[in-house]
C-alpha atoms as a PDB file:
ATOM      1  CA  MET A   1     -19.041 -77.982 -26.989  1.00  0.00           C
ATOM      2  CA  GLU A   2     -21.687 -75.321 -26.402  1.00  0.00           C
ATOM      3  CA  PHE A   3     -21.555 -73.554 -23.032  1.00  0.00           C
ATOM      4  CA  PHE A   4     -23.950 -70.670 -23.709  1.00  0.00           C
ATOM      5  CA  LEU A   5     -27.440 -72.048 -23.633  1.00  0.00           C
ATOM      6  CA  GLU A   6     -30.444 -70.528 -25.316  1.00  0.00           C
ATOM      7  CA  GLN A   7     -32.311 -68.295 -22.897  1.00  0.00           C
ATOM      8  CA  ASN A   8     -36.008 -68.390 -21.940  1.00  0.00           C
ATOM      9  CA  ARG A   9     -36.618 -71.933 -23.093  1.00  0.00           C
ATOM     10  CA  THR A  10     -39.577 -73.842 -21.684  1.00  0.00           C
ATOM     11  CA  SER A  11     -38.402 -77.434 -22.044  1.00  0.00           C
ATOM     12  CA  ILE A  12     -35.747 -79.571 -20.382  1.00  0.00           C
ATOM     13  CA  ARG A  13     -32.522 -80.441 -22.145  1.00  0.00           C
ATOM     14  CA  ARG A  14     -30.669 -83.629 -21.288  1.00  0.00           C
ATOM     15  CA  HIS A  15     -27.265 -84.986 -22.142  1.00  0.00           C
ATOM     16  CA  LYS A  16     -25.130 -87.998 -21.258  1.00  0.00           C
ATOM     17  CA  GLY A  17     -21.371 -87.842 -21.423  1.00  0.00           C
ATOM     18  CA  GLN A  18     -18.092 -86.912 -19.822  1.00  0.00           C
ATOM     19  CA  ILE A  19     -18.301 -84.350 -17.018  1.00  0.00           C
ATOM     20  CA  ASN A  20     -15.456 -82.037 -17.941  1.00  0.00           C
ATOM     21  CA  PHE A  21     -16.636 -78.552 -18.966  1.00  0.00           C
ATOM     22  CA  GLY A  22     -14.941 -75.174 -19.037  1.00  0.00           C
ATOM     23  CA  ALA A  23     -16.121 -72.168 -17.055  1.00  0.00           C
ATOM     24  CA  HIS A  24     -19.570 -70.930 -18.018  1.00  0.00           C
ATOM     25  CA  LEU A  25     -22.780 -69.513 -16.581  1.00  0.00           C
ATOM     26  CA  HIS A  26     -26.412 -69.419 -17.646  1.00  0.00           C
ATOM     27  CA  THR A  27     -29.880 -68.620 -16.313  1.00  0.00           C
ATOM     28  CA  ASP A  28     -30.936 -72.272 -16.107  1.00  0.00           C
ATOM     29  CA  VAL A  29     -30.754 -74.816 -13.309  1.00  0.00           C
ATOM     30  CA  GLU A  30     -28.194 -77.545 -13.989  1.00  0.00           C
ATOM     31  CA  ILE A  31     -28.533 -80.974 -12.386  1.00  0.00           C
ATOM     32  CA  ILE A  32     -25.840 -83.609 -12.875  1.00  0.00           C
ATOM     33  CA  TYR A  33     -25.892 -87.198 -11.722  1.00  0.00           C
ATOM     34  CA  LEU A  34     -22.344 -88.615 -11.729  1.00  0.00           C
ATOM     35  CA  LYS A  35     -22.756 -92.249 -12.748  1.00  0.00           C
ATOM     36  CA  ARG A  36     -19.059 -93.132 -12.943  1.00  0.00           C
ATOM     37  CA  GLY A  37     -15.723 -91.722 -11.846  1.00  0.00           C
ATOM     38  CA  LYS A  38     -15.048 -88.548  -9.895  1.00  0.00           C
ATOM     39  CA  GLY A  39     -14.169 -84.932 -10.539  1.00  0.00           C
ATOM     40  CA  GLU A  40     -13.677 -81.442  -9.179  1.00  0.00           C
ATOM     41  CA  VAL A  41     -16.517 -78.921  -9.299  1.00  0.00           C
ATOM     42  CA  TYR A  42     -15.689 -75.208  -9.200  1.00  0.00           C
ATOM     43  CA  VAL A  43     -18.500 -72.811  -8.334  1.00  0.00           C
ATOM     44  CA  GLY A  44     -17.437 -69.193  -8.049  1.00  0.00           C
ATOM     45  CA  SER A  45     -14.197 -69.249  -6.086  1.00  0.00           C
ATOM     46  CA  GLU A  46     -14.930 -72.547  -4.272  1.00  0.00           C
ATOM     47  CA  GLU A  47     -13.821 -76.075  -5.128  1.00  0.00           C
ATOM     48  CA  TYR A  48     -15.734 -79.291  -4.352  1.00  0.00           C
ATOM     49  CA  THR A  49     -15.216 -82.987  -5.080  1.00  0.00           C
ATOM     50  CA  ALA A  50     -17.968 -85.114  -6.606  1.00  0.00           C
ATOM     51  CA  GLU A  51     -17.841 -88.894  -6.646  1.00  0.00           C
ATOM     52  CA  GLU A  52     -19.782 -91.707  -8.253  1.00  0.00           C
ATOM     53  CA  GLY A  53     -23.439 -91.606  -7.175  1.00  0.00           C
ATOM     54  CA  ASP A  54     -23.436 -87.895  -6.270  1.00  0.00           C
ATOM     55  CA  PHE A  55     -25.787 -85.242  -7.603  1.00  0.00           C
ATOM     56  CA  ILE A  56     -24.467 -81.773  -8.485  1.00  0.00           C
ATOM     57  CA  MET A  57     -26.814 -78.791  -8.388  1.00  0.00           C
ATOM     58  CA  ILE A  58     -25.946 -75.467 -10.046  1.00  0.00           C
ATOM     59  CA  PHE A  59     -28.254 -72.483  -9.521  1.00  0.00           C
ATOM     60  CA  PRO A  60     -28.897 -69.794 -12.169  1.00  0.00           C
ATOM     61  CA  ASN A  61     -26.077 -67.307 -12.869  1.00  0.00           C
ATOM     62  CA  GLN A  62     -23.445 -69.222 -10.909  1.00  0.00           C
ATOM     63  CA  ILE A  63     -20.064 -69.364 -12.638  1.00  0.00           C
ATOM     64  CA  HIS A  64     -19.050 -73.014 -12.709  1.00  0.00           C
ATOM     65  CA  ARG A  65     -16.771 -75.519 -14.366  1.00  0.00           C
ATOM     66  CA  TYR A  66     -15.873 -79.191 -14.010  1.00  0.00           C
ATOM     67  CA  THR A  67     -12.656 -81.171 -14.290  1.00  0.00           C
ATOM     68  CA  GLY A  68     -12.502 -84.923 -14.070  1.00  0.00           C
ATOM     69  CA  SER A  69     -10.867 -88.107 -15.253  1.00  0.00           C
ATOM     70  CA  TYR A  70     -11.331 -88.728 -18.962  1.00  0.00           C
ATOM     71  CA  ASP A  71     -13.379 -91.878 -18.250  1.00  0.00           C
ATOM     72  CA  ASN A  72     -15.989 -90.341 -15.938  1.00  0.00           C
ATOM     73  CA  MET A  73     -19.605 -90.294 -17.056  1.00  0.00           C
ATOM     74  CA  GLY A  74     -22.703 -88.405 -16.016  1.00  0.00           C
ATOM     75  CA  GLU A  75     -26.251 -87.434 -16.892  1.00  0.00           C
ATOM     76  CA  ILE A  76     -26.970 -83.722 -17.228  1.00  0.00           C
ATOM     77  CA  LEU A  77     -30.370 -82.038 -16.991  1.00  0.00           C
ATOM     78  CA  ILE A  78     -30.723 -78.373 -17.964  1.00  0.00           C
ATOM     79  CA  ALA A  79     -34.001 -76.969 -16.629  1.00  0.00           C
ATOM     80  CA  PRO A  80     -35.083 -73.420 -17.606  1.00  0.00           C
ATOM     81  CA  TYR A  81     -35.620 -71.085 -14.659  1.00  0.00           C
ATOM     82  CA  ALA A  82     -38.869 -69.899 -16.291  1.00  0.00           C
ATOM     83  CA  MET A  83     -40.233 -73.434 -16.035  1.00  0.00           C
ATOM     84  CA  LEU A  84     -39.693 -73.698 -12.265  1.00  0.00           C
ATOM     85  CA  HIS A  85     -42.216 -71.208 -10.873  1.00  0.00           C
ATOM     86  CA  GLU A  86     -42.648 -73.221  -7.689  1.00  0.00           C
ATOM     87  CA  TYR A  87     -38.988 -72.655  -6.745  1.00  0.00           C
ATOM     88  CA  ASN A  88     -38.403 -69.171  -8.180  1.00  0.00           C
ATOM     89  CA  GLU A  89     -38.017 -67.528  -4.768  1.00  0.00           C
ATOM     90  CA  LEU A  90     -35.473 -70.103  -3.575  1.00  0.00           C
ATOM     91  CA  LEU A  91     -33.516 -69.988  -6.832  1.00  0.00           C
ATOM     92  CA  SER A  92     -33.446 -66.199  -7.092  1.00  0.00           C
ATOM     93  CA  SER A  93     -32.362 -65.291  -3.563  1.00  0.00           C
ATOM     94  CA  ASN A  94     -30.279 -68.259  -2.330  1.00  0.00           C
ATOM     95  CA  ILE A  95     -27.349 -70.445  -3.292  1.00  0.00           C
ATOM     96  CA  PRO A  96     -26.324 -73.846  -1.921  1.00  0.00           C
ATOM     97  CA  VAL A  97     -23.650 -74.010   0.774  1.00  0.00           C
ATOM     98  CA  SER A  98     -22.335 -76.919  -1.293  1.00  0.00           C
ATOM     99  CA  PRO A  99     -23.576 -77.936  -4.760  1.00  0.00           C
ATOM    100  CA  ILE A 100     -22.915 -81.619  -4.030  1.00  0.00           C
ATOM    101  CA  VAL A 101     -25.539 -84.036  -2.687  1.00  0.00           C
ATOM    102  CA  HIS A 102     -23.560 -87.042  -1.439  1.00  0.00           C
ATOM    103  CA  ASP A 103     -26.377 -88.978   0.215  1.00  0.00           C
ATOM    104  CA  ALA A 104     -28.908 -89.286  -2.605  1.00  0.00           C
ATOM    105  CA  GLY A 105     -31.317 -92.169  -2.108  1.00  0.00           C
ATOM    106  CA  GLU A 106     -33.017 -94.593  -4.442  1.00  0.00           C
ATOM    107  CA  SER A 107     -36.014 -92.287  -4.883  1.00  0.00           C
ATOM    108  CA  GLU A 108     -33.891 -89.491  -6.352  1.00  0.00           C
ATOM    109  CA  LYS A 109     -32.047 -91.922  -8.614  1.00  0.00           C
ATOM    110  CA  MET A 110     -35.346 -93.410  -9.795  1.00  0.00           C
ATOM    111  CA  LEU A 111     -36.708 -89.974 -10.733  1.00  0.00           C
ATOM    112  CA  GLN A 112     -33.454 -89.170 -12.567  1.00  0.00           C
ATOM    113  CA  LYS A 113     -33.747 -92.445 -14.462  1.00  0.00           C
ATOM    114  CA  MET A 114     -37.356 -91.679 -15.371  1.00  0.00           C
ATOM    115  CA  LEU A 115     -36.406 -88.287 -16.778  1.00  0.00           C
ATOM    116  CA  PHE A 116     -33.794 -89.915 -18.990  1.00  0.00           C
ATOM    117  CA  CYS A 117     -35.290 -93.269 -19.913  1.00  0.00           C
ATOM    118  CA  GLU A 118     -38.982 -92.434 -20.180  1.00  0.00           C
ATOM    119  CA  TYR A 119     -38.849 -88.727 -20.951  1.00  0.00           C
ATOM    120  CA  ASP A 120     -40.291 -89.093 -24.465  1.00  0.00           C
ATOM    121  CA  LEU A 121     -43.317 -90.950 -23.119  1.00  0.00           C
ATOM    122  CA  PHE A 122     -44.322 -88.061 -20.846  1.00  0.00           C
ATOM    123  CA  ASP A 123     -46.518 -85.159 -21.663  1.00  0.00           C
ATOM    124  CA  LYS A 124     -45.196 -81.772 -20.574  1.00  0.00           C
ATOM    125  CA  GLU A 125     -46.978 -81.645 -17.211  1.00  0.00           C
ATOM    126  CA  ILE A 126     -45.903 -85.137 -16.153  1.00  0.00           C
ATOM    127  CA  CYS A 127     -42.330 -84.339 -17.116  1.00  0.00           C
ATOM    128  CA  LYS A 128     -42.409 -81.120 -15.108  1.00  0.00           C
ATOM    129  CA  GLY A 129     -43.925 -82.890 -12.115  1.00  0.00           C
ATOM    130  CA  THR A 130     -41.167 -85.503 -12.156  1.00  0.00           C
ATOM    131  CA  LEU A 131     -38.532 -82.775 -12.317  1.00  0.00           C
ATOM    132  CA  LEU A 132     -40.120 -80.818  -9.452  1.00  0.00           C
ATOM    133  CA  ALA A 133     -40.225 -83.976  -7.336  1.00  0.00           C
ATOM    134  CA  LEU A 134     -36.523 -84.587  -7.992  1.00  0.00           C
ATOM    135  CA  LEU A 135     -35.649 -80.982  -7.145  1.00  0.00           C
ATOM    136  CA  GLY A 136     -37.705 -81.101  -3.956  1.00  0.00           C
ATOM    137  CA  MET A 137     -35.936 -84.223  -2.728  1.00  0.00           C
ATOM    138  CA  LEU A 138     -32.489 -82.824  -3.540  1.00  0.00           C
ATOM    139  CA  PHE A 139     -33.270 -79.422  -1.989  1.00  0.00           C
ATOM    140  CA  ALA A 140     -34.362 -81.176   1.228  1.00  0.00           C
ATOM    141  CA  LYS A 141     -30.830 -82.543   1.583  1.00  0.00           C
ATOM    142  CA  MET A 142     -29.065 -79.230   0.916  1.00  0.00           C
ATOM    143  CA  GLU A 143     -28.250 -76.156   2.992  1.00  0.00           C
ATOM    144  CA  PHE A 144     -28.691 -72.663   1.561  1.00  0.00           C
ATOM    145  CA  VAL A 145     -27.483 -69.158   2.257  1.00  0.00           C
ATOM    146  CA  SER A 146     -29.259 -65.962   1.301  1.00  0.00           C
ATOM    147  CA  ILE A 147     -27.285 -63.882  -1.183  1.00  0.00           C
ATOM    148  CA  LYS A 148     -27.318 -60.691  -3.168  1.00  0.00           C
ATOM    149  CA  ARG A 149     -26.898 -61.637  -6.802  1.00  0.00           C
ATOM    150  CA  GLU A 150     -23.668 -60.493  -8.447  1.00  0.00           C
ATOM    151  CA  ASN A 151     -23.696 -58.623 -11.710  1.00  0.00           C
ATOM    152  CA  ASN A 152     -21.990 -61.101 -14.015  1.00  0.00           C
ATOM    153  CA  SER A 153     -22.416 -59.104 -17.216  1.00  0.00           C
ATOM    154  CA  SER A 154     -18.662 -58.690 -17.774  1.00  0.00           C
ATOM    155  CA  VAL A 155     -18.025 -62.371 -17.102  1.00  0.00           C
ATOM    156  CA  ASP A 156     -20.810 -63.351 -19.483  1.00  0.00           C
ATOM    157  CA  MET A 157     -19.420 -61.066 -22.211  1.00  0.00           C
ATOM    158  CA  ILE A 158     -15.899 -62.428 -21.824  1.00  0.00           C
ATOM    159  CA  LEU A 159     -16.918 -66.090 -21.839  1.00  0.00           C
ATOM    160  CA  LYS A 160     -19.226 -65.573 -24.796  1.00  0.00           C
ATOM    161  CA  TYR A 161     -16.510 -63.787 -26.756  1.00  0.00           C
ATOM    162  CA  CYS A 162     -14.029 -66.579 -25.990  1.00  0.00           C
ATOM    163  CA  SER A 163     -16.522 -69.267 -27.063  1.00  0.00           C
ATOM    164  CA  GLU A 164     -17.002 -67.508 -30.409  1.00  0.00           C
ATOM    165  CA  ASN A 165     -13.338 -66.714 -31.109  1.00  0.00           C
ATOM    166  CA  TYR A 166     -11.142 -69.385 -29.483  1.00  0.00           C
ATOM    167  CA  ARG A 167     -10.204 -70.866 -32.866  1.00  0.00           C
ATOM    168  CA  ASN A 168      -8.665 -67.549 -33.890  1.00  0.00           C
ATOM    169  CA  ASP A 169      -5.419 -65.929 -32.737  1.00  0.00           C
ATOM    170  CA  ILE A 170      -6.772 -64.653 -29.408  1.00  0.00           C
ATOM    171  CA  ASP A 171      -5.154 -63.262 -26.252  1.00  0.00           C
ATOM    172  CA  ILE A 172      -6.135 -61.090 -23.302  1.00  0.00           C
ATOM    173  CA  ASP A 173      -5.139 -57.904 -25.099  1.00  0.00           C
ATOM    174  CA  SER A 174      -7.386 -58.636 -28.084  1.00  0.00           C
ATOM    175  CA  VAL A 175     -10.314 -59.484 -25.795  1.00  0.00           C
ATOM    176  CA  ALA A 176      -9.761 -56.272 -23.821  1.00  0.00           C
ATOM    177  CA  TYR A 177      -9.699 -54.241 -27.040  1.00  0.00           C
ATOM    178  CA  GLU A 178     -12.830 -55.839 -28.530  1.00  0.00           C
ATOM    179  CA  LEU A 179     -14.926 -55.709 -25.340  1.00  0.00           C
ATOM    180  CA  HIS A 180     -13.603 -52.406 -23.966  1.00  0.00           C
ATOM    181  CA  ILE A 181     -12.703 -54.073 -20.669  1.00  0.00           C
ATOM    182  CA  SER A 182      -9.313 -53.445 -19.076  1.00  0.00           C
ATOM    183  CA  ARG A 183      -6.680 -56.156 -19.328  1.00  0.00           C
ATOM    184  CA  SER A 184      -6.274 -56.188 -15.537  1.00  0.00           C
ATOM    185  CA  ASN A 185     -10.012 -56.680 -15.059  1.00  0.00           C
ATOM    186  CA  ILE A 186     -10.034 -59.655 -17.419  1.00  0.00           C
ATOM    187  CA  SER A 187      -7.022 -61.190 -15.645  1.00  0.00           C
ATOM    188  CA  HIS A 188      -8.771 -60.683 -12.292  1.00  0.00           C
ATOM    189  CA  ILE A 189     -11.959 -62.353 -13.530  1.00  0.00           C
ATOM    190  CA  PHE A 190     -10.059 -65.419 -14.734  1.00  0.00           C
ATOM    191  CA  SER A 191      -7.900 -65.750 -11.625  1.00  0.00           C
ATOM    192  CA  GLU A 192     -10.473 -64.890  -8.937  1.00  0.00           C
ATOM    193  CA  LYS A 193     -13.835 -65.934 -10.408  1.00  0.00           C
ATOM    194  CA  LEU A 194     -12.990 -68.649 -12.902  1.00  0.00           C
ATOM    195  CA  ARG A 195      -9.860 -69.955 -11.152  1.00  0.00           C
ATOM    196  CA  ILE A 196      -8.137 -70.764 -14.414  1.00  0.00           C
ATOM    197  CA  ASN A 197      -5.706 -68.649 -16.415  1.00  0.00           C
ATOM    198  CA  PHE A 198      -6.758 -67.234 -19.764  1.00  0.00           C
ATOM    199  CA  ARG A 199      -4.476 -69.367 -21.941  1.00  0.00           C
ATOM    200  CA  SER A 200      -5.494 -72.589 -20.213  1.00  0.00           C
ATOM    201  CA  TYR A 201      -9.158 -71.751 -20.733  1.00  0.00           C
ATOM    202  CA  ILE A 202      -8.671 -71.061 -24.449  1.00  0.00           C
ATOM    203  CA  ASN A 203      -6.711 -74.291 -24.830  1.00  0.00           C
ATOM    204  CA  TYR A 204      -9.504 -76.161 -23.068  1.00  0.00           C
ATOM    205  CA  LEU A 205     -12.050 -74.831 -25.568  1.00  0.00           C
ATOM    206  CA  ARG A 206      -9.763 -75.803 -28.438  1.00  0.00           C
ATOM    207  CA  VAL A 207      -9.273 -79.333 -27.103  1.00  0.00           C
ATOM    208  CA  SER A 208     -13.046 -79.740 -26.682  1.00  0.00           C
ATOM    209  CA  TYR A 209     -13.529 -78.713 -30.308  1.00  0.00           C
ATOM    210  CA  ALA A 210     -10.789 -81.100 -31.437  1.00  0.00           C
ATOM    211  CA  GLN A 211     -12.397 -84.007 -29.579  1.00  0.00           C
ATOM    212  CA  ASN A 212     -15.591 -83.559 -31.561  1.00  0.00           C
ATOM    213  CA  VAL A 213     -13.715 -83.332 -34.875  1.00  0.00           C
ATOM    214  CA  LEU A 214     -11.662 -86.434 -34.074  1.00  0.00           C
ATOM    215  CA  LYS A 215     -14.885 -88.366 -33.499  1.00  0.00           C
ATOM    216  CA  LYS A 216     -16.619 -87.210 -36.665  1.00  0.00           C
ATOM    217  CA  SER A 217     -13.985 -86.698 -39.363  1.00  0.00           C
ATOM    218  CA  GLY A 218     -10.987 -88.362 -40.930  1.00  0.00           C
ATOM    219  CA  ASP A 219      -8.958 -85.155 -41.062  1.00  0.00           C
ATOM    220  CA  SER A 220      -5.300 -85.449 -40.154  1.00  0.00           C
ATOM    221  CA  ILE A 221      -4.076 -84.551 -36.670  1.00  0.00           C
ATOM    222  CA  THR A 222      -2.143 -81.642 -38.182  1.00  0.00           C
ATOM    223  CA  ASP A 223      -5.259 -80.266 -39.898  1.00  0.00           C
ATOM    224  CA  ILE A 224      -7.351 -80.633 -36.757  1.00  0.00           C
ATOM    225  CA  ALA A 225      -4.743 -78.822 -34.680  1.00  0.00           C
ATOM    226  CA  GLY A 226      -4.931 -75.890 -37.080  1.00  0.00           C
ATOM    227  CA  GLN A 227      -8.727 -75.934 -37.219  1.00  0.00           C
ATOM    228  CA  ALA A 228      -8.887 -75.805 -33.414  1.00  0.00           C
ATOM    229  CA  GLY A 229      -6.600 -72.782 -33.276  1.00  0.00           C
ATOM    230  CA  PHE A 230      -3.296 -74.324 -32.164  1.00  0.00           C
ATOM    231  CA  ASP A 231      -0.131 -72.920 -33.748  1.00  0.00           C
ATOM    232  CA  SER A 232       1.655 -76.293 -33.816  1.00  0.00           C
ATOM    233  CA  VAL A 233       0.951 -79.999 -33.514  1.00  0.00           C
ATOM    234  CA  ARG A 234       3.315 -80.172 -30.532  1.00  0.00           C
ATOM    235  CA  THR A 235       1.301 -77.561 -28.601  1.00  0.00           C
ATOM    236  CA  PHE A 236      -1.896 -79.376 -29.574  1.00  0.00           C
ATOM    237  CA  ASN A 237      -0.594 -82.736 -28.330  1.00  0.00           C
ATOM    238  CA  ILE A 238       0.552 -81.278 -24.999  1.00  0.00           C
ATOM    239  CA  ALA A 239      -2.790 -79.541 -24.349  1.00  0.00           C
ATOM    240  CA  PHE A 240      -4.820 -82.562 -25.479  1.00  0.00           C
ATOM    241  CA  LEU A 241      -2.913 -84.882 -23.156  1.00  0.00           C
ATOM    242  CA  LYS A 242      -3.356 -82.446 -20.266  1.00  0.00           C
ATOM    243  CA  TYR A 243      -7.145 -82.232 -20.590  1.00  0.00           C
ATOM    244  CA  THR A 244      -8.061 -85.745 -21.730  1.00  0.00           C
ATOM    245  CA  GLY A 245      -5.310 -87.987 -20.356  1.00  0.00           C
ATOM    246  CA  THR A 246      -4.502 -89.334 -23.825  1.00  0.00           C
ATOM    247  CA  THR A 247      -3.022 -88.184 -27.132  1.00  0.00           C
ATOM    248  CA  PRO A 248      -5.164 -87.187 -30.140  1.00  0.00           C
ATOM    249  CA  SER A 249      -4.121 -90.346 -32.024  1.00  0.00           C
ATOM    250  CA  GLU A 250      -4.976 -92.616 -29.087  1.00  0.00           C
ATOM    251  CA  TYR A 251      -8.270 -90.786 -28.560  1.00  0.00           C
ATOM    252  CA  ARG A 252      -9.247 -91.378 -32.179  1.00  0.00           C
ATOM    253  CA  LYS A 253      -8.456 -95.098 -31.906  1.00  0.00           C
ATOM    254  CA  LYS A 254     -10.643 -95.421 -28.799  1.00  0.00           C
END
């Protein structure tokens, strides 16, 4: 699962699937429509609950992650900041009081559906216009506060390093050594900003990798556990059950 998105893109990315992602940040605007189930949304140090029919709006450079039931489902739009000139001032100097829009109407849902179902029929300007209309309607239902942007360079470095090395033998000390960031600073970032401990985050990345391998290959559970970075099948099974609600064998059968 790729958390670090290519920067300075000029087109929208879209994805349908389970809403259950580890902590990450990027310069894009992220819009999620939760079609089924419910889940917890963590933005910075705050926690919110999203339910079926809600929209979730993440502004650029906000640290965020999602946890939810293994059977939830959503539609995700990733819109490059550089594409949204009309809202640059709002996006650069404000953040939502809450990222959740609970009272979305049929108009917003129709625009979301158009962006997913008829996207390939649009030329670039029509697609952008549809997206701007959706953003405008969602923004009208949200409250904002003016903020001074945090410098998230250390967070970005740490998350990027973890995403590139989670399949190896990795711990806080090795990250501190490689990135020249103190161990205490890394622990503080995970506990205060990401609200997840380091080992749990690494295990989450490993389980996400294993899910993809289970879908696409016939490798044994033991081999997949090793590929993902787990030191034993038992540890793999415990972590997999924790994050997906099922065992690797049951997940493969489904």
